[in-house]
Amino acid sequence: MSAEEGACRPREDQYWLLWDGHCAFCRRAAAWARERDCAGMLVALPYQQAPQPPMDEALAAACRRAVHLRHPDGQLERAGRACLTVLELAGYPRIARCLRRPPLVWGVELGYWIVARNRALFSRLMFRARP
């Protein structure tokens, strides 16, 4: 576990990426986002280690089903839309803005749910060990 993941309390001016700490796919995706966040605006931590508040039973139940992103102003995004904001923070704002428009955003959400329900398969396909 990285020092960032074990942090007690992320700064309030950062985006908090809340992901499933038991999921290898989620861990790798969060690491990918952290590596590309040059501005230091993203803190990725397992929802199981998130401070209370903002974590509560309702948010934990929601985080078991989908990744969540807490904005510095307290707004929460989930699933595909949260991933699009992470994509922006990772240095791909044009792509993210384009994908936010209907009907493309609907495809992003559908893709998110397909991947989320088949994490083990996509983990093997997308995050292969490098030779």
Protein backbone atom coordinates (compact mmCIF):
# COMPACT_ATOMS: atom_id res chain seq x y z
CA MET A 1 0.00 0.00 0.00
CA SER A 2 1.35 3.41 -0.88
CA ALA A 3 1.69 6.23 1.61
CA GLU A 4 -1.03 8.08 -0.28
CA GLU A 5 -3.49 5.21 0.13
CA GLY A 6 -2.78 4.98 3.85
CA ALA A 7 -3.21 8.71 4.42
CA CYS A 8 -5.64 9.54 7.20
CA ARG A 9 -7.24 12.54 5.62
CA PRO A 10 -6.79 13.86 2.07
CA ARG A 11 -6.73 17.62 1.70
CA GLU A 12 -10.07 19.30 1.14
CA ASP A 13 -8.83 20.92 -2.11
CA GLN A 14 -8.23 17.53 -3.71
CA TYR A 15 -10.46 15.11 -5.58
CA TRP A 16 -10.93 11.87 -3.66
CA LEU A 17 -11.16 8.78 -5.84
CA LEU A 18 -12.93 6.15 -3.75
CA TRP A 19 -12.35 2.66 -5.12
CA ASP A 20 -12.76 -0.94 -3.91
CA GLY A 21 -9.61 -1.86 -2.00
CA HIS A 22 -10.31 -5.58 -2.54
CA CYS A 23 -10.32 -5.29 -6.34
CA ALA A 24 -7.07 -5.74 -8.29
CA PHE A 25 -8.55 -4.04 -11.37
CA CYS A 26 -9.56 -1.01 -9.29
CA ARG A 27 -6.11 -0.86 -7.68
CA ARG A 28 -4.39 -0.86 -11.06
CA ALA A 29 -6.78 1.72 -12.52
CA ALA A 30 -6.27 3.99 -9.49
CA ALA A 31 -2.49 3.64 -9.83
CA TRP A 32 -2.75 4.57 -13.52
CA ALA A 33 -4.68 7.73 -12.61
CA ARG A 34 -2.27 8.69 -9.81
CA GLU A 35 0.74 8.30 -12.11
CA ARG A 36 -0.77 10.71 -14.62
CA ASP A 37 -2.03 13.32 -12.14
CA CYS A 38 0.80 15.82 -12.54
CA ALA A 39 -1.04 18.58 -10.65
CA GLY A 40 -1.48 16.48 -7.50
CA MET A 41 -5.23 17.08 -7.45
CA LEU A 42 -6.22 13.41 -7.15
CA VAL A 43 -6.04 11.24 -4.06
CA ALA A 44 -6.98 7.63 -4.71
CA LEU A 45 -7.89 5.66 -1.65
CA PRO A 46 -9.89 2.53 -1.02
CA TYR A 47 -13.34 3.42 0.22
CA GLN A 48 -12.71 1.01 3.10
CA GLN A 49 -10.01 3.44 4.35
CA ALA A 50 -11.83 6.72 3.67
CA PRO A 51 -12.32 9.02 6.64
CA GLN A 52 -15.70 9.52 8.28
CA PRO A 53 -17.14 11.90 7.23
CA PRO A 54 -17.61 11.90 4.28
CA MET A 55 -17.70 8.10 4.36
CA ASP A 56 -20.83 6.70 5.95
CA GLU A 57 -22.84 3.49 5.52
CA ALA A 58 -24.82 4.79 2.54
CA LEU A 59 -21.71 5.95 0.67
CA ALA A 60 -19.86 2.71 1.51
CA ALA A 61 -22.76 0.70 0.09
CA ALA A 62 -22.67 2.81 -3.08
CA CYS A 63 -18.88 2.45 -3.34
CA ARG A 64 -19.23 -1.35 -3.26
CA ARG A 65 -21.13 -1.06 -6.57
CA ALA A 66 -19.17 1.69 -8.35
CA VAL A 67 -16.16 3.96 -8.10
CA HIS A 68 -16.95 7.42 -6.67
CA LEU A 69 -15.16 10.73 -7.00
CA ARG A 70 -15.59 13.41 -4.34
CA HIS A 71 -14.92 16.89 -5.70
CA PRO A 72 -13.28 19.57 -3.53
CA ASP A 73 -16.71 21.22 -3.17
CA GLY A 74 -18.20 17.95 -1.84
CA GLN A 75 -20.04 16.96 -5.03
CA LEU A 76 -20.00 13.22 -5.72
CA GLU A 77 -19.76 11.56 -9.12
CA ARG A 78 -19.95 7.84 -9.68
CA ALA A 79 -19.24 5.21 -12.28
CA GLY A 80 -18.52 6.38 -15.83
CA ARG A 81 -18.92 10.09 -15.13
CA ALA A 82 -16.42 9.85 -12.26
CA CYS A 83 -14.01 8.11 -14.61
CA LEU A 84 -14.38 10.95 -17.12
CA THR A 85 -13.40 13.51 -14.48
CA VAL A 86 -10.42 11.33 -13.54
CA LEU A 87 -9.52 11.24 -17.23
CA GLU A 88 -9.54 15.06 -17.24
CA LEU A 89 -7.31 15.19 -14.15
CA ALA A 90 -4.98 12.65 -15.77
CA GLY A 91 -4.31 15.02 -18.65
CA TYR A 92 -6.97 14.07 -21.19
CA PRO A 93 -9.50 16.93 -20.91
CA ARG A 94 -10.50 17.08 -24.59
CA ILE A 95 -11.35 13.40 -24.75
CA ALA A 96 -13.25 13.58 -21.45
CA ARG A 97 -15.27 16.64 -22.51
CA CYS A 98 -16.17 15.00 -25.80
CA LEU A 99 -17.27 11.78 -24.08
CA ARG A 100 -19.49 13.71 -21.63
CA ARG A 101 -21.90 14.67 -24.41
CA PRO A 102 -24.99 12.58 -25.08
CA PRO A 103 -25.18 10.01 -26.55
CA LEU A 104 -21.47 9.27 -25.94
CA VAL A 105 -21.80 9.56 -22.17
CA TRP A 106 -24.44 6.84 -22.25
CA GLY A 107 -21.92 4.59 -23.97
CA VAL A 108 -19.34 5.45 -21.31
CA GLU A 109 -21.80 4.45 -18.58
CA LEU A 110 -22.70 1.22 -20.37
CA GLY A 111 -19.01 0.42 -20.87
CA TYR A 112 -18.35 1.16 -17.20
CA TRP A 113 -21.02 -1.30 -16.06
CA ILE A 114 -19.81 -4.02 -18.44
CA VAL A 115 -16.24 -3.66 -17.18
CA ALA A 116 -17.34 -3.38 -13.52
CA ARG A 117 -19.22 -6.65 -13.71
CA ASN A 118 -16.31 -8.42 -15.41
CA ARG A 119 -13.35 -6.92 -13.54
CA ALA A 120 -11.28 -10.11 -13.40
CA LEU A 121 -11.42 -10.58 -17.17
CA PHE A 122 -10.67 -6.93 -17.95
CA SER A 123 -7.85 -6.89 -15.41
CA ARG A 124 -6.12 -9.66 -17.36
CA LEU A 125 -6.77 -7.96 -20.71
CA MET A 126 -5.92 -4.35 -19.85
CA PHE A 127 -3.19 -4.61 -17.24
CA ARG A 128 -0.89 -7.32 -18.49
CA ALA A 129 2.57 -7.58 -17.02
CA ARG A 130 5.15 -5.76 -19.12
CA PRO A 131 7.99 -7.86 -20.59
